[in-house]
Full PDB file with SEQRES, HELIX, SHEET, SSBOND, CRYST1, ORIGX, SCALE, CONECT and MASTER records, all heavy atoms in Angstrom:
SEQRES   1 A   39  PRO THR THR LEU VAL ILE VAL GLY ILE LEU ALA TYR GLY          
SEQRES   2 A   39  VAL TYR ASN GLY LYS PHE TRP ARG PHE ALA ASN PRO VAL          
SEQRES   3 A   39  PHE GLN HIS GLU GLY PRO PHE ALA SER PHE SER LEU ALA          
HELIX    1 AA1 LEU A    4  TYR A   15  1                                  12    
HELIX    2 AA2 PRO A   25  GLU A   30  5                                   6    
HELIX    3 AA3 ALA A   34  SER A   37  5                                   4    
CRYST1    1.000    1.000    1.000  90.00  90.00  90.00 P 1           1          
ORIGX1      1.000000  0.000000  0.000000        0.00000                         
ORIGX2      0.000000  1.000000  0.000000        0.00000                         
ORIGX3      0.000000  0.000000  1.000000        0.00000                         
SCALE1      1.000000  0.000000  0.000000        0.00000                         
SCALE2      0.000000  1.000000  0.000000        0.00000                         
SCALE3      0.000000  0.000000  1.000000        0.00000                         
ATOM      1  N   PRO A   1       0.818  -1.222  -0.003  1.00  0.00           N  
ATOM      2  CA  PRO A   1      -0.038   0.034  -0.001  1.00  0.00           C  
ATOM      3  C   PRO A   1       0.868   1.307  -0.016  1.00  0.00           C  
ATOM      4  O   PRO A   1       0.278   2.323  -0.251  1.00  0.00           O  
ATOM      5  CB  PRO A   1      -0.818  -0.153   1.282  1.00  0.00           C  
ATOM      6  CG  PRO A   1      -0.955  -1.590   1.527  1.00  0.00           C  
ATOM      7  CD  PRO A   1       0.422  -2.133   1.108  1.00  0.00           C  
ATOM      8  N   THR A   2       2.138   1.153   0.277  1.00  0.00           N  
ATOM      9  CA  THR A   2       2.940   2.380   0.234  1.00  0.00           C  
ATOM     10  C   THR A   2       3.110   2.988  -1.152  1.00  0.00           C  
ATOM     11  O   THR A   2       3.554   4.087  -1.382  1.00  0.00           O  
ATOM     12  CB  THR A   2       4.400   2.092   0.743  1.00  0.00           C  
ATOM     13  OG1 THR A   2       4.972   0.989  -0.059  1.00  0.00           O  
ATOM     14  CG2 THR A   2       4.359   1.674   2.233  1.00  0.00           C  
ATOM     15  N   THR A   3       2.613   2.220  -2.155  1.00  0.00           N  
ATOM     16  CA  THR A   3       2.565   2.785  -3.544  1.00  0.00           C  
ATOM     17  C   THR A   3       1.637   3.940  -3.674  1.00  0.00           C  
ATOM     18  O   THR A   3       1.593   4.653  -4.669  1.00  0.00           O  
ATOM     19  CB  THR A   3       2.187   1.677  -4.580  1.00  0.00           C  
ATOM     20  OG1 THR A   3       0.927   1.146  -4.294  1.00  0.00           O  
ATOM     21  CG2 THR A   3       3.218   0.572  -4.603  1.00  0.00           C  
ATOM     22  N   LEU A   4       0.812   4.182  -2.582  1.00  0.00           N  
ATOM     23  CA  LEU A   4       0.021   5.347  -2.506  1.00  0.00           C  
ATOM     24  C   LEU A   4       0.839   6.630  -2.725  1.00  0.00           C  
ATOM     25  O   LEU A   4       0.368   7.616  -3.261  1.00  0.00           O  
ATOM     26  CB  LEU A   4      -0.711   5.380  -1.221  1.00  0.00           C  
ATOM     27  CG  LEU A   4      -1.570   6.619  -0.878  1.00  0.00           C  
ATOM     28  CD1 LEU A   4      -2.751   6.754  -1.920  1.00  0.00           C  
ATOM     29  CD2 LEU A   4      -2.137   6.604   0.554  1.00  0.00           C  
ATOM     30  N   VAL A   5       2.124   6.593  -2.283  1.00  0.00           N  
ATOM     31  CA  VAL A   5       3.001   7.742  -2.453  1.00  0.00           C  
ATOM     32  C   VAL A   5       3.209   8.060  -3.944  1.00  0.00           C  
ATOM     33  O   VAL A   5       3.141   9.229  -4.355  1.00  0.00           O  
ATOM     34  CB  VAL A   5       4.396   7.436  -1.755  1.00  0.00           C  
ATOM     35  CG1 VAL A   5       5.320   8.576  -2.035  1.00  0.00           C  
ATOM     36  CG2 VAL A   5       4.258   7.262  -0.268  1.00  0.00           C  
ATOM     37  N   ILE A   6       3.416   7.009  -4.764  1.00  0.00           N  
ATOM     38  CA  ILE A   6       3.618   7.277  -6.194  1.00  0.00           C  
ATOM     39  C   ILE A   6       2.326   7.902  -6.731  1.00  0.00           C  
ATOM     40  O   ILE A   6       2.407   8.816  -7.551  1.00  0.00           O  
ATOM     41  CB  ILE A   6       3.904   5.930  -6.871  1.00  0.00           C  
ATOM     42  CG1 ILE A   6       5.314   5.431  -6.446  1.00  0.00           C  
ATOM     43  CG2 ILE A   6       3.806   6.099  -8.397  1.00  0.00           C  
ATOM     44  CD1 ILE A   6       5.629   4.070  -7.072  1.00  0.00           C  
ATOM     45  N   VAL A   7       1.167   7.341  -6.391  1.00  0.00           N  
ATOM     46  CA  VAL A   7      -0.107   7.845  -6.878  1.00  0.00           C  
ATOM     47  C   VAL A   7      -0.283   9.336  -6.440  1.00  0.00           C  
ATOM     48  O   VAL A   7      -0.673  10.195  -7.305  1.00  0.00           O  
ATOM     49  CB  VAL A   7      -1.293   7.037  -6.400  1.00  0.00           C  
ATOM     50  CG1 VAL A   7      -2.647   7.603  -6.771  1.00  0.00           C  
ATOM     51  CG2 VAL A   7      -1.190   5.644  -6.885  1.00  0.00           C  
ATOM     52  N   GLY A   8       0.147   9.669  -5.269  1.00  0.00           N  
ATOM     53  CA  GLY A   8       0.052  11.097  -4.824  1.00  0.00           C  
ATOM     54  C   GLY A   8       0.968  11.967  -5.612  1.00  0.00           C  
ATOM     55  O   GLY A   8       0.588  13.122  -5.991  1.00  0.00           O  
ATOM     56  N   ILE A   9       2.160  11.435  -5.958  1.00  0.00           N  
ATOM     57  CA  ILE A   9       3.073  12.274  -6.805  1.00  0.00           C  
ATOM     58  C   ILE A   9       2.465  12.524  -8.213  1.00  0.00           C  
ATOM     59  O   ILE A   9       2.501  13.655  -8.798  1.00  0.00           O  
ATOM     60  CB  ILE A   9       4.442  11.618  -6.987  1.00  0.00           C  
ATOM     61  CG1 ILE A   9       5.121  11.616  -5.581  1.00  0.00           C  
ATOM     62  CG2 ILE A   9       5.298  12.237  -8.006  1.00  0.00           C  
ATOM     63  CD1 ILE A   9       6.433  10.776  -5.566  1.00  0.00           C  
ATOM     64  N   LEU A  10       1.820  11.505  -8.823  1.00  0.00           N  
ATOM     65  CA  LEU A  10       1.229  11.610 -10.119  1.00  0.00           C  
ATOM     66  C   LEU A  10       0.019  12.628 -10.024  1.00  0.00           C  
ATOM     67  O   LEU A  10      -0.120  13.410 -10.932  1.00  0.00           O  
ATOM     68  CB  LEU A  10       0.736  10.322 -10.620  1.00  0.00           C  
ATOM     69  CG  LEU A  10       1.779   9.173 -10.938  1.00  0.00           C  
ATOM     70  CD1 LEU A  10       1.175   7.892 -11.338  1.00  0.00           C  
ATOM     71  CD2 LEU A  10       2.801   9.672 -11.979  1.00  0.00           C  
ATOM     72  N   ALA A  11      -0.796  12.517  -8.996  1.00  0.00           N  
ATOM     73  CA  ALA A  11      -1.925  13.382  -8.887  1.00  0.00           C  
ATOM     74  C   ALA A  11      -1.457  14.827  -8.730  1.00  0.00           C  
ATOM     75  O   ALA A  11      -2.051  15.743  -9.286  1.00  0.00           O  
ATOM     76  CB  ALA A  11      -2.725  12.944  -7.642  1.00  0.00           C  
ATOM     77  N   TYR A  12      -0.371  15.001  -7.927  1.00  0.00           N  
ATOM     78  CA  TYR A  12       0.139  16.360  -7.760  1.00  0.00           C  
ATOM     79  C   TYR A  12       0.588  16.964  -9.194  1.00  0.00           C  
ATOM     80  O   TYR A  12       0.382  18.108  -9.449  1.00  0.00           O  
ATOM     81  CB  TYR A  12       1.342  16.355  -6.834  1.00  0.00           C  
ATOM     82  CG  TYR A  12       2.075  17.676  -6.726  1.00  0.00           C  
ATOM     83  CD1 TYR A  12       1.600  18.753  -5.916  1.00  0.00           C  
ATOM     84  CD2 TYR A  12       3.232  17.893  -7.453  1.00  0.00           C  
ATOM     85  CE1 TYR A  12       2.324  19.901  -5.839  1.00  0.00           C  
ATOM     86  CE2 TYR A  12       3.932  19.090  -7.389  1.00  0.00           C  
ATOM     87  CZ  TYR A  12       3.465  20.087  -6.535  1.00  0.00           C  
ATOM     88  OH  TYR A  12       4.128  21.287  -6.500  1.00  0.00           O  
ATOM     89  N   GLY A  13       1.240  16.079  -9.954  1.00  0.00           N  
ATOM     90  CA  GLY A  13       1.765  16.480 -11.236  1.00  0.00           C  
ATOM     91  C   GLY A  13       0.609  16.896 -12.150  1.00  0.00           C  
ATOM     92  O   GLY A  13       0.724  17.885 -12.861  1.00  0.00           O  
ATOM     93  N   VAL A  14      -0.431  16.054 -12.226  1.00  0.00           N  
ATOM     94  CA  VAL A  14      -1.576  16.358 -13.088  1.00  0.00           C  
ATOM     95  C   VAL A  14      -2.240  17.588 -12.674  1.00  0.00           C  
ATOM     96  O   VAL A  14      -2.631  18.494 -13.444  1.00  0.00           O  
ATOM     97  CB  VAL A  14      -2.533  15.174 -13.080  1.00  0.00           C  
ATOM     98  CG1 VAL A  14      -3.811  15.511 -13.887  1.00  0.00           C  
ATOM     99  CG2 VAL A  14      -1.934  13.896 -13.689  1.00  0.00           C  
ATOM    100  N   TYR A  15      -2.407  17.771 -11.335  1.00  0.00           N  
ATOM    101  CA  TYR A  15      -3.124  18.985 -10.796  1.00  0.00           C  
ATOM    102  C   TYR A  15      -2.341  20.231 -11.148  1.00  0.00           C  
ATOM    103  O   TYR A  15      -2.954  21.327 -11.385  1.00  0.00           O  
ATOM    104  CB  TYR A  15      -3.264  18.800  -9.310  1.00  0.00           C  
ATOM    105  CG  TYR A  15      -3.992  19.979  -8.652  1.00  0.00           C  
ATOM    106  CD1 TYR A  15      -5.402  20.028  -8.673  1.00  0.00           C  
ATOM    107  CD2 TYR A  15      -3.333  20.975  -7.909  1.00  0.00           C  
ATOM    108  CE1 TYR A  15      -6.052  21.138  -8.120  1.00  0.00           C  
ATOM    109  CE2 TYR A  15      -3.971  21.990  -7.382  1.00  0.00           C  
ATOM    110  CZ  TYR A  15      -5.380  22.115  -7.442  1.00  0.00           C  
ATOM    111  OH  TYR A  15      -6.046  23.135  -6.857  1.00  0.00           O  
ATOM    112  N   ASN A  16      -1.046  20.214 -11.189  1.00  0.00           N  
ATOM    113  CA  ASN A  16      -0.259  21.359 -11.441  1.00  0.00           C  
ATOM    114  C   ASN A  16       0.174  21.495 -12.912  1.00  0.00           C  
ATOM    115  O   ASN A  16       1.141  22.278 -13.216  1.00  0.00           O  
ATOM    116  CB  ASN A  16       1.002  21.374 -10.491  1.00  0.00           C  
ATOM    117  CG  ASN A  16       0.614  21.662  -9.079  1.00  0.00           C  
ATOM    118  OD1 ASN A  16       0.470  22.826  -8.678  1.00  0.00           O  
ATOM    119  ND2 ASN A  16       0.519  20.640  -8.309  1.00  0.00           N  
ATOM    120  N   GLY A  17      -0.389  20.691 -13.771  1.00  0.00           N  
ATOM    121  CA  GLY A  17      -0.165  20.888 -15.180  1.00  0.00           C  
ATOM    122  C   GLY A  17       1.158  20.310 -15.680  1.00  0.00           C  
ATOM    123  O   GLY A  17       1.608  20.648 -16.749  1.00  0.00           O  
ATOM    124  N   LYS A  18       1.750  19.423 -14.933  1.00  0.00           N  
ATOM    125  CA  LYS A  18       3.000  18.739 -15.333  1.00  0.00           C  
ATOM    126  C   LYS A  18       2.796  17.533 -16.141  1.00  0.00           C  
ATOM    127  O   LYS A  18       3.717  17.010 -16.738  1.00  0.00           O  
ATOM    128  CB  LYS A  18       3.843  18.466 -14.114  1.00  0.00           C  
ATOM    129  CG  LYS A  18       4.260  19.634 -13.318  1.00  0.00           C  
ATOM    130  CD  LYS A  18       5.027  19.354 -12.041  1.00  0.00           C  
ATOM    131  CE  LYS A  18       5.342  20.520 -11.222  1.00  0.00           C  
ATOM    132  NZ  LYS A  18       6.073  21.577 -11.930  1.00  0.00           N  
ATOM    133  N   PHE A  19       1.532  17.041 -16.246  1.00  0.00           N  
ATOM    134  CA  PHE A  19       1.187  15.993 -17.155  1.00  0.00           C  
ATOM    135  C   PHE A  19      -0.169  16.503 -17.846  1.00  0.00           C  
ATOM    136  O   PHE A  19      -0.811  17.444 -17.382  1.00  0.00           O  
ATOM    137  CB  PHE A  19       0.795  14.673 -16.384  1.00  0.00           C  
ATOM    138  CG  PHE A  19       1.951  14.043 -15.702  1.00  0.00           C  
ATOM    139  CD1 PHE A  19       2.040  14.067 -14.265  1.00  0.00           C  
ATOM    140  CD2 PHE A  19       3.001  13.464 -16.335  1.00  0.00           C  
ATOM    141  CE1 PHE A  19       3.054  13.533 -13.573  1.00  0.00           C  
ATOM    142  CE2 PHE A  19       4.062  12.840 -15.620  1.00  0.00           C  
ATOM    143  CZ  PHE A  19       4.079  12.884 -14.240  1.00  0.00           C  
ATOM    144  N   TRP A  20      -0.485  15.777 -18.858  1.00  0.00           N  
ATOM    145  CA  TRP A  20      -1.844  15.842 -19.448  1.00  0.00           C  
ATOM    146  C   TRP A  20      -2.183  17.257 -19.960  1.00  0.00           C  
ATOM    147  O   TRP A  20      -3.040  17.969 -19.383  1.00  0.00           O  
ATOM    148  CB  TRP A  20      -2.878  15.428 -18.386  1.00  0.00           C  
ATOM    149  CG  TRP A  20      -3.185  13.972 -18.560  1.00  0.00           C  
ATOM    150  CD1 TRP A  20      -2.318  12.933 -18.338  1.00  0.00           C  
ATOM    151  CD2 TRP A  20      -4.398  13.360 -18.929  1.00  0.00           C  
ATOM    152  NE1 TRP A  20      -2.969  11.774 -18.534  1.00  0.00           N  
ATOM    153  CE2 TRP A  20      -4.244  12.010 -18.880  1.00  0.00           C  
ATOM    154  CE3 TRP A  20      -5.621  13.894 -19.272  1.00  0.00           C  
ATOM    155  CZ2 TRP A  20      -5.256  11.109 -19.273  1.00  0.00           C  
ATOM    156  CZ3 TRP A  20      -6.642  13.019 -19.639  1.00  0.00           C  
ATOM    157  CH2 TRP A  20      -6.431  11.597 -19.612  1.00  0.00           C  
ATOM    158  N   ARG A  21      -1.653  17.654 -21.091  1.00  0.00           N  
ATOM    159  CA  ARG A  21      -1.908  18.910 -21.718  1.00  0.00           C  
ATOM    160  C   ARG A  21      -2.673  18.586 -23.040  1.00  0.00           C  
ATOM    161  O   ARG A  21      -2.052  18.660 -24.142  1.00  0.00           O  
ATOM    162  CB  ARG A  21      -0.694  19.713 -21.985  1.00  0.00           C  
ATOM    163  CG  ARG A  21       0.069  20.013 -20.672  1.00  0.00           C  
ATOM    164  CD  ARG A  21       1.217  20.892 -20.859  1.00  0.00           C  
ATOM    165  NE  ARG A  21       1.984  21.015 -19.595  1.00  0.00           N  
ATOM    166  CZ  ARG A  21       3.129  21.697 -19.511  1.00  0.00           C  
ATOM    167  NH1 ARG A  21       3.660  22.296 -20.566  1.00  0.00           N  
ATOM    168  NH2 ARG A  21       3.787  21.758 -18.359  1.00  0.00           N  
ATOM    169  N   PHE A  22      -3.877  18.178 -22.890  1.00  0.00           N  
ATOM    170  CA  PHE A  22      -4.714  17.753 -23.984  1.00  0.00           C  
ATOM    171  C   PHE A  22      -5.453  18.845 -24.650  1.00  0.00           C  
ATOM    172  O   PHE A  22      -6.009  18.704 -25.743  1.00  0.00           O  
ATOM    173  CB  PHE A  22      -5.711  16.674 -23.573  1.00  0.00           C  
ATOM    174  CG  PHE A  22      -5.150  15.246 -23.554  1.00  0.00           C  
ATOM    175  CD1 PHE A  22      -5.055  14.573 -22.432  1.00  0.00           C  
ATOM    176  CD2 PHE A  22      -4.748  14.680 -24.781  1.00  0.00           C  
ATOM    177  CE1 PHE A  22      -4.536  13.271 -22.382  1.00  0.00           C  
ATOM    178  CE2 PHE A  22      -4.200  13.415 -24.770  1.00  0.00           C  
ATOM    179  CZ  PHE A  22      -4.090  12.686 -23.610  1.00  0.00           C  
ATOM    180  N   ALA A  23      -5.639  19.984 -23.937  1.00  0.00           N  
ATOM    181  CA  ALA A  23      -6.446  21.075 -24.479  1.00  0.00           C  
ATOM    182  C   ALA A  23      -5.733  21.674 -25.727  1.00  0.00           C  
ATOM    183  O   ALA A  23      -5.019  22.618 -25.581  1.00  0.00           O  
ATOM    184  CB  ALA A  23      -6.698  22.090 -23.392  1.00  0.00           C  
ATOM    185  N   ASN A  24      -6.100  21.253 -26.888  1.00  0.00           N  
ATOM    186  CA  ASN A  24      -5.505  21.788 -28.132  1.00  0.00           C  
ATOM    187  C   ASN A  24      -6.486  21.638 -29.230  1.00  0.00           C  
ATOM    188  O   ASN A  24      -6.516  20.567 -29.925  1.00  0.00           O  
ATOM    189  CB  ASN A  24      -4.194  21.087 -28.529  1.00  0.00           C  
ATOM    190  CG  ASN A  24      -3.431  21.838 -29.587  1.00  0.00           C  
ATOM    191  OD1 ASN A  24      -4.022  22.346 -30.471  1.00  0.00           O  
ATOM    192  ND2 ASN A  24      -2.176  21.910 -29.383  1.00  0.00           N  
ATOM    193  N   PRO A  25      -7.457  22.547 -29.418  1.00  0.00           N  
ATOM    194  CA  PRO A  25      -8.504  22.396 -30.449  1.00  0.00           C  
ATOM    195  C   PRO A  25      -8.035  22.284 -31.809  1.00  0.00           C  
ATOM    196  O   PRO A  25      -8.761  21.893 -32.689  1.00  0.00           O  
ATOM    197  CB  PRO A  25      -9.360  23.685 -30.217  1.00  0.00           C  
ATOM    198  CG  PRO A  25      -8.428  24.655 -29.610  1.00  0.00           C  
ATOM    199  CD  PRO A  25      -7.469  23.903 -28.732  1.00  0.00           C  
ATOM    200  N   VAL A  26      -6.785  22.670 -32.096  1.00  0.00           N  
ATOM    201  CA  VAL A  26      -6.239  22.637 -33.459  1.00  0.00           C  
ATOM    202  C   VAL A  26      -6.294  21.188 -34.061  1.00  0.00           C  
ATOM    203  O   VAL A  26      -6.526  20.967 -35.192  1.00  0.00           O  
ATOM    204  CB  VAL A  26      -4.801  23.114 -33.516  1.00  0.00           C  
ATOM    205  CG1 VAL A  26      -4.192  22.945 -34.924  1.00  0.00           C  
ATOM    206  CG2 VAL A  26      -4.748  24.626 -33.040  1.00  0.00           C  
ATOM    207  N   PHE A  27      -6.158  20.178 -33.124  1.00  0.00           N  
ATOM    208  CA  PHE A  27      -6.067  18.864 -33.552  1.00  0.00           C  
ATOM    209  C   PHE A  27      -7.441  18.112 -33.573  1.00  0.00           C  
ATOM    210  O   PHE A  27      -7.579  16.902 -33.925  1.00  0.00           O  
ATOM    211  CB  PHE A  27      -5.129  18.027 -32.670  1.00  0.00           C  
ATOM    212  CG  PHE A  27      -3.692  18.435 -32.821  1.00  0.00           C  
ATOM    213  CD1 PHE A  27      -3.067  19.404 -32.036  1.00  0.00           C  
ATOM    214  CD2 PHE A  27      -2.890  17.738 -33.806  1.00  0.00           C  
ATOM    215  CE1 PHE A  27      -1.761  19.741 -32.239  1.00  0.00           C  
ATOM    216  CE2 PHE A  27      -1.604  18.122 -33.977  1.00  0.00           C  
ATOM    217  CZ  PHE A  27      -1.031  19.114 -33.210  1.00  0.00           C  
ATOM    218  N   GLN A  28      -8.497  18.791 -33.137  1.00  0.00           N  
ATOM    219  CA  GLN A  28      -9.719  18.153 -32.965  1.00  0.00           C  
ATOM    220  C   GLN A  28     -10.376  17.595 -34.266  1.00  0.00           C  
ATOM    221  O   GLN A  28     -10.972  16.518 -34.328  1.00  0.00           O  
ATOM    222  CB  GLN A  28     -10.784  19.037 -32.279  1.00  0.00           C  
ATOM    223  CG  GLN A  28     -10.484  19.464 -30.911  1.00  0.00           C  
ATOM    224  CD  GLN A  28     -10.272  18.273 -29.938  1.00  0.00           C  
ATOM    225  OE1 GLN A  28     -11.157  17.379 -29.970  1.00  0.00           O  
ATOM    226  NE2 GLN A  28      -9.192  18.254 -29.198  1.00  0.00           N  
ATOM    227  N   HIS A  29     -10.098  18.267 -35.383  1.00  0.00           N  
ATOM    228  CA  HIS A  29     -10.662  17.846 -36.667  1.00  0.00           C  
ATOM    229  C   HIS A  29      -9.956  16.564 -37.205  1.00  0.00           C  
ATOM    230  O   HIS A  29     -10.371  15.958 -38.109  1.00  0.00           O  
ATOM    231  CB  HIS A  29     -10.465  19.009 -37.732  1.00  0.00           C  
ATOM    232  CG  HIS A  29      -9.093  19.251 -38.054  1.00  0.00           C  
ATOM    233  ND1 HIS A  29      -8.225  20.055 -37.266  1.00  0.00           N  
ATOM    234  CD2 HIS A  29      -8.292  18.913 -39.176  1.00  0.00           C  
ATOM    235  CE1 HIS A  29      -7.048  20.170 -37.852  1.00  0.00           C  
ATOM    236  NE2 HIS A  29      -7.066  19.508 -39.003  1.00  0.00           N  
ATOM    237  N   GLU A  30      -8.765  16.211 -36.529  1.00  0.00           N  
ATOM    238  CA  GLU A  30      -8.053  15.000 -37.043  1.00  0.00           C  
ATOM    239  C   GLU A  30      -8.468  13.758 -36.377  1.00  0.00           C  
ATOM    240  O   GLU A  30      -7.919  12.672 -36.540  1.00  0.00           O  
ATOM    241  CB  GLU A  30      -6.518  15.226 -36.875  1.00  0.00           C  
ATOM    242  CG  GLU A  30      -6.016  16.440 -37.644  1.00  0.00           C  
ATOM    243  CD  GLU A  30      -4.533  16.620 -37.423  1.00  0.00           C  
ATOM    244  OE1 GLU A  30      -3.895  15.693 -37.041  1.00  0.00           O  
ATOM    245  OE2 GLU A  30      -4.017  17.729 -37.826  1.00  0.00           O  
ATOM    246  N   GLY A  31      -9.453  13.853 -35.445  1.00  0.00           N  
ATOM    247  CA  GLY A  31      -9.922  12.677 -34.775  1.00  0.00           C  
ATOM    248  C   GLY A  31      -9.743  12.793 -33.255  1.00  0.00           C  
ATOM    249  O   GLY A  31      -8.986  13.618 -32.763  1.00  0.00           O  
ATOM    250  N   PRO A  32     -10.424  11.901 -32.469  1.00  0.00           N  
ATOM    251  CA  PRO A  32     -10.463  12.011 -31.059  1.00  0.00           C  
ATOM    252  C   PRO A  32      -9.120  11.680 -30.377  1.00  0.00           C  
ATOM    253  O   PRO A  32      -8.876  12.153 -29.291  1.00  0.00           O  
ATOM    254  CB  PRO A  32     -11.483  11.035 -30.634  1.00  0.00           C  
ATOM    255  CG  PRO A  32     -11.627  10.090 -31.742  1.00  0.00           C  
ATOM    256  CD  PRO A  32     -11.368  10.865 -33.019  1.00  0.00           C  
ATOM    257  N   PHE A  33      -8.194  10.984 -31.094  1.00  0.00           N  
ATOM    258  CA  PHE A  33      -6.934  10.626 -30.533  1.00  0.00           C  
ATOM    259  C   PHE A  33      -5.710  11.367 -31.067  1.00  0.00           C  
ATOM    260  O   PHE A  33      -4.627  11.039 -30.734  1.00  0.00           O  
ATOM    261  CB  PHE A  33      -6.669   9.106 -30.693  1.00  0.00           C  
ATOM    262  CG  PHE A  33      -7.789   8.214 -30.007  1.00  0.00           C  
ATOM    263  CD1 PHE A  33      -8.728   7.619 -30.822  1.00  0.00           C  
ATOM    264  CD2 PHE A  33      -7.832   8.080 -28.672  1.00  0.00           C  
ATOM    265  CE1 PHE A  33      -9.680   6.883 -30.179  1.00  0.00           C  
ATOM    266  CE2 PHE A  33      -8.770   7.315 -28.067  1.00  0.00           C  
ATOM    267  CZ  PHE A  33      -9.746   6.742 -28.865  1.00  0.00           C  
ATOM    268  N   ALA A  34      -6.010  12.347 -31.893  1.00  0.00           N  
ATOM    269  CA  ALA A  34      -4.914  13.080 -32.567  1.00  0.00           C  
ATOM    270  C   ALA A  34      -4.059  13.836 -31.586  1.00  0.00           C  
ATOM    271  O   ALA A  34      -2.874  13.960 -31.772  1.00  0.00           O  
ATOM    272  CB  ALA A  34      -5.457  14.045 -33.636  1.00  0.00           C  
ATOM    273  N   SER A  35      -4.629  14.376 -30.507  1.00  0.00           N  
ATOM    274  CA  SER A  35      -3.855  15.182 -29.628  1.00  0.00           C  
ATOM    275  C   SER A  35      -3.000  14.374 -28.733  1.00  0.00           C  
ATOM    276  O   SER A  35      -2.202  14.969 -27.951  1.00  0.00           O  
ATOM    277  CB  SER A  35      -4.816  16.047 -28.772  1.00  0.00           C  
ATOM    278  OG  SER A  35      -5.782  15.215 -28.079  1.00  0.00           O  
ATOM    279  N   PHE A  36      -2.982  13.075 -28.733  1.00  0.00           N  
ATOM    280  CA  PHE A  36      -2.102  12.238 -27.998  1.00  0.00           C  
ATOM    281  C   PHE A  36      -0.676  12.521 -28.311  1.00  0.00           C  
ATOM    282  O   PHE A  36       0.205  12.473 -27.482  1.00  0.00           O  
ATOM    283  CB  PHE A  36      -2.421  10.747 -28.135  1.00  0.00           C  
ATOM    284  CG  PHE A  36      -3.401  10.192 -27.175  1.00  0.00           C  
ATOM    285  CD1 PHE A  36      -4.730  10.595 -27.322  1.00  0.00           C  
ATOM    286  CD2 PHE A  36      -3.093   9.316 -26.131  1.00  0.00           C  
ATOM    287  CE1 PHE A  36      -5.710  10.095 -26.394  1.00  0.00           C  
ATOM    288  CE2 PHE A  36      -3.971   8.910 -25.253  1.00  0.00           C  
ATOM    289  CZ  PHE A  36      -5.369   9.247 -25.406  1.00  0.00           C  
ATOM    290  N   SER A  37      -0.404  12.749 -29.561  1.00  0.00           N  
ATOM    291  CA  SER A  37       0.970  13.028 -30.008  1.00  0.00           C  
ATOM    292  C   SER A  37       1.546  14.264 -29.421  1.00  0.00           C  
ATOM    293  O   SER A  37       2.680  14.359 -29.167  1.00  0.00           O  
ATOM    294  CB  SER A  37       0.981  13.108 -31.551  1.00  0.00           C  
ATOM    295  OG  SER A  37       0.137  14.232 -32.012  1.00  0.00           O  
ATOM    296  N   LEU A  38       0.650  15.207 -29.052  1.00  0.00           N  
ATOM    297  CA  LEU A  38       1.093  16.427 -28.385  1.00  0.00           C  
ATOM    298  C   LEU A  38       1.172  16.292 -26.891  1.00  0.00           C  
ATOM    299  O   LEU A  38       2.079  16.772 -26.252  1.00  0.00           O  
ATOM    300  CB  LEU A  38       0.150  17.601 -28.709  1.00  0.00           C  
ATOM    301  CG  LEU A  38       0.472  18.970 -28.067  1.00  0.00           C  
ATOM    302  CD1 LEU A  38       1.741  19.535 -28.586  1.00  0.00           C  
ATOM    303  CD2 LEU A  38      -0.669  19.953 -28.255  1.00  0.00           C  
ATOM    304  N   ALA A  39       0.166  15.603 -26.305  1.00  0.00           N  
ATOM    305  CA  ALA A  39       0.078  15.562 -24.859  1.00  0.00           C  
ATOM    306  C   ALA A  39       1.220  14.824 -24.245  1.00  0.00           C  
ATOM    307  O   ALA A  39       1.568  15.093 -23.057  1.00  0.00           O  
ATOM    308  CB  ALA A  39      -1.237  14.859 -24.457  1.00  0.00           C  
TER     309      ALA A  39                                                      
MASTER        0    0    0    3    0    0    0    6  308    1    0    3          
END                                                                             
């Protein structure tokens, strides 16, 4: 259960914008998964 520490680090990173930057409407016309290459 100490792996909760890892999950906490990931959650902190997502909350502070260090992961997951999917907001890019330029790629929306290329399909739902196009922005993965940027994120």
